[in-house]
């Protein structure tokens, strides 16, 4: 499981998300890095049910963590059921 967290001193957790797909995680990390490097807002919409917009000034003043860790079989089952539950609601 791969996790990205953006924590801001003023707003607390500005963004937190988990990915089980390595490629999606790398793409999102590249988007965050590009927004910081180019001094742009971080904006992303998947066209369906996921929208992120963090102004550059907020992003610049944030601590950003990207990490990955192995899941036990039990943890994987919990994450998978949460994801399937989210798909059913949408």
C-alpha atoms as a PDB file:
ATOM      1  CA  UNK A   1       0.000   0.000   0.000  1.00  0.00           C
ATOM      2  CA  UNK A   2       1.292   3.435  -0.923  1.00  0.00           C
ATOM      3  CA  UNK A   3       0.214   6.575   0.907  1.00  0.00           C
ATOM      4  CA  UNK A   4       0.606  10.280   0.282  1.00  0.00           C
ATOM      5  CA  UNK A   5      -0.112  12.847   2.991  1.00  0.00           C
ATOM      6  CA  UNK A   6      -0.016  16.616   2.682  1.00  0.00           C
ATOM      7  CA  UNK A   7      -0.096  18.288   6.075  1.00  0.00           C
ATOM      8  CA  UNK A   8      -0.397  22.045   6.468  1.00  0.00           C
ATOM      9  CA  UNK A   9       0.345  23.969   9.649  1.00  0.00           C
ATOM     10  CA  UNK A  10      -2.794  26.109   9.304  1.00  0.00           C
ATOM     11  CA  UNK A  11      -5.249  23.597   7.819  1.00  0.00           C
ATOM     12  CA  UNK A  12      -4.025  20.297   9.248  1.00  0.00           C
ATOM     13  CA  UNK A  13      -4.405  17.374   6.857  1.00  0.00           C
ATOM     14  CA  UNK A  14      -4.950  19.044   3.487  1.00  0.00           C
ATOM     15  CA  UNK A  15      -4.848  15.750   1.624  1.00  0.00           C
ATOM     16  CA  UNK A  16      -4.402  12.053   2.360  1.00  0.00           C
ATOM     17  CA  UNK A  17      -4.883   9.159  -0.028  1.00  0.00           C
ATOM     18  CA  UNK A  18      -3.830   5.538  -0.422  1.00  0.00           C
ATOM     19  CA  UNK A  19      -2.969   3.711  -3.626  1.00  0.00           C
ATOM     20  CA  UNK A  20      -2.608   0.036  -4.308  1.00  0.00           C
ATOM     21  CA  UNK A  21      -1.435   0.715  -7.878  1.00  0.00           C
ATOM     22  CA  UNK A  22       2.264   1.650  -8.076  1.00  0.00           C
ATOM     23  CA  UNK A  23       1.826   3.562 -11.349  1.00  0.00           C
ATOM     24  CA  UNK A  24      -1.034   5.740 -10.050  1.00  0.00           C
ATOM     25  CA  UNK A  25       1.013   6.518  -6.938  1.00  0.00           C
ATOM     26  CA  UNK A  26       4.042   7.543  -9.013  1.00  0.00           C
ATOM     27  CA  UNK A  27       1.901   9.717 -11.286  1.00  0.00           C
ATOM     28  CA  UNK A  28       0.363  11.529  -8.327  1.00  0.00           C
ATOM     29  CA  UNK A  29       3.780  12.052  -6.676  1.00  0.00           C
ATOM     30  CA  UNK A  30       5.065  13.476  -9.968  1.00  0.00           C
ATOM     31  CA  UNK A  31       2.070  15.843 -10.100  1.00  0.00           C
ATOM     32  CA  UNK A  32       2.817  17.114  -6.589  1.00  0.00           C
ATOM     33  CA  UNK A  33       6.519  17.517  -7.379  1.00  0.00           C
ATOM     34  CA  UNK A  34       5.736  19.343 -10.641  1.00  0.00           C
ATOM     35  CA  UNK A  35       3.319  21.723  -8.901  1.00  0.00           C
ATOM     36  CA  UNK A  36       6.022  22.614  -6.377  1.00  0.00           C
ATOM     37  CA  UNK A  37       8.795  22.934  -8.968  1.00  0.00           C
ATOM     38  CA  UNK A  38       6.735  25.066 -11.348  1.00  0.00           C
ATOM     39  CA  UNK A  39       5.091  27.064  -8.523  1.00  0.00           C
ATOM     40  CA  UNK A  40       1.593  26.068  -9.697  1.00  0.00           C
ATOM     41  CA  UNK A  41      -1.545  25.083  -7.810  1.00  0.00           C
ATOM     42  CA  UNK A  42      -2.050  21.348  -7.428  1.00  0.00           C
ATOM     43  CA  UNK A  43      -5.299  20.595  -9.274  1.00  0.00           C
ATOM     44  CA  UNK A  44      -6.553  17.205 -10.316  1.00  0.00           C
ATOM     45  CA  UNK A  45      -9.956  15.804 -11.283  1.00  0.00           C
ATOM     46  CA  UNK A  46     -10.413  12.244 -12.468  1.00  0.00           C
ATOM     47  CA  UNK A  47     -13.618  13.100 -14.321  1.00  0.00           C
ATOM     48  CA  UNK A  48     -15.802  11.110 -11.962  1.00  0.00           C
ATOM     49  CA  UNK A  49     -15.506  11.341  -8.201  1.00  0.00           C
ATOM     50  CA  UNK A  50     -12.095  12.658  -7.137  1.00  0.00           C
ATOM     51  CA  UNK A  51     -11.165  16.351  -7.081  1.00  0.00           C
ATOM     52  CA  UNK A  52      -8.122  17.972  -5.483  1.00  0.00           C
ATOM     53  CA  UNK A  53      -7.219  21.655  -5.573  1.00  0.00           C
ATOM     54  CA  UNK A  54      -4.503  22.962  -3.280  1.00  0.00           C
ATOM     55  CA  UNK A  55      -3.230  26.502  -3.974  1.00  0.00           C
ATOM     56  CA  UNK A  56       0.531  26.784  -4.423  1.00  0.00           C
ATOM     57  CA  UNK A  57       0.974  28.942  -1.313  1.00  0.00           C
ATOM     58  CA  UNK A  58      -0.725  26.272   0.831  1.00  0.00           C
ATOM     59  CA  UNK A  59       1.220  23.469  -0.877  1.00  0.00           C
ATOM     60  CA  UNK A  60       4.520  25.326  -0.432  1.00  0.00           C
ATOM     61  CA  UNK A  61       3.891  25.695   3.316  1.00  0.00           C
ATOM     62  CA  UNK A  62       2.994  22.022   3.752  1.00  0.00           C
ATOM     63  CA  UNK A  63       4.892  18.931   4.761  1.00  0.00           C
ATOM     64  CA  UNK A  64       4.453  16.181   2.180  1.00  0.00           C
ATOM     65  CA  UNK A  65       4.977  12.491   2.882  1.00  0.00           C
ATOM     66  CA  UNK A  66       4.947   9.745   0.298  1.00  0.00           C
ATOM     67  CA  UNK A  67       5.484   6.248   1.625  1.00  0.00           C
ATOM     68  CA  UNK A  68       4.821   2.633   0.897  1.00  0.00           C
ATOM     69  CA  UNK A  69       4.501  -0.348   3.182  1.00  0.00           C
ATOM     70  CA  UNK A  70       3.629  -3.989   2.810  1.00  0.00           C
ATOM     71  CA  UNK A  71       0.203  -5.124   3.934  1.00  0.00           C
ATOM     72  CA  UNK A  72      -0.592  -8.290   5.784  1.00  0.00           C
ATOM     73  CA  UNK A  73      -3.282 -10.471   4.249  1.00  0.00           C
ATOM     74  CA  UNK A  74      -5.799  -9.207   6.835  1.00  0.00           C
ATOM     75  CA  UNK A  75      -4.960  -5.534   6.141  1.00  0.00           C
ATOM     76  CA  UNK A  76      -5.259  -6.160   2.403  1.00  0.00           C
ATOM     77  CA  UNK A  77      -8.740  -7.657   2.878  1.00  0.00           C
ATOM     78  CA  UNK A  78      -9.853  -4.597   4.874  1.00  0.00           C
ATOM     79  CA  UNK A  79      -8.514  -2.140   2.279  1.00  0.00           C
ATOM     80  CA  UNK A  80     -10.025  -4.136  -0.585  1.00  0.00           C
ATOM     81  CA  UNK A  81     -13.460  -4.240   1.085  1.00  0.00           C
ATOM     82  CA  UNK A  82     -13.326  -0.457   1.688  1.00  0.00           C
ATOM     83  CA  UNK A  83     -12.492   0.125  -1.973  1.00  0.00           C
ATOM     84  CA  UNK A  84     -15.266  -2.171  -3.154  1.00  0.00           C
ATOM     85  CA  UNK A  85     -17.705  -0.427  -0.789  1.00  0.00           C
ATOM     86  CA  UNK A  86     -16.735   2.933  -2.281  1.00  0.00           C
ATOM     87  CA  UNK A  87     -17.366   1.561  -5.804  1.00  0.00           C
ATOM     88  CA  UNK A  88     -20.835   0.358  -4.794  1.00  0.00           C
ATOM     89  CA  UNK A  89     -21.771   3.827  -3.435  1.00  0.00           C
ATOM     90  CA  UNK A  90     -20.625   5.609  -6.610  1.00  0.00           C
END
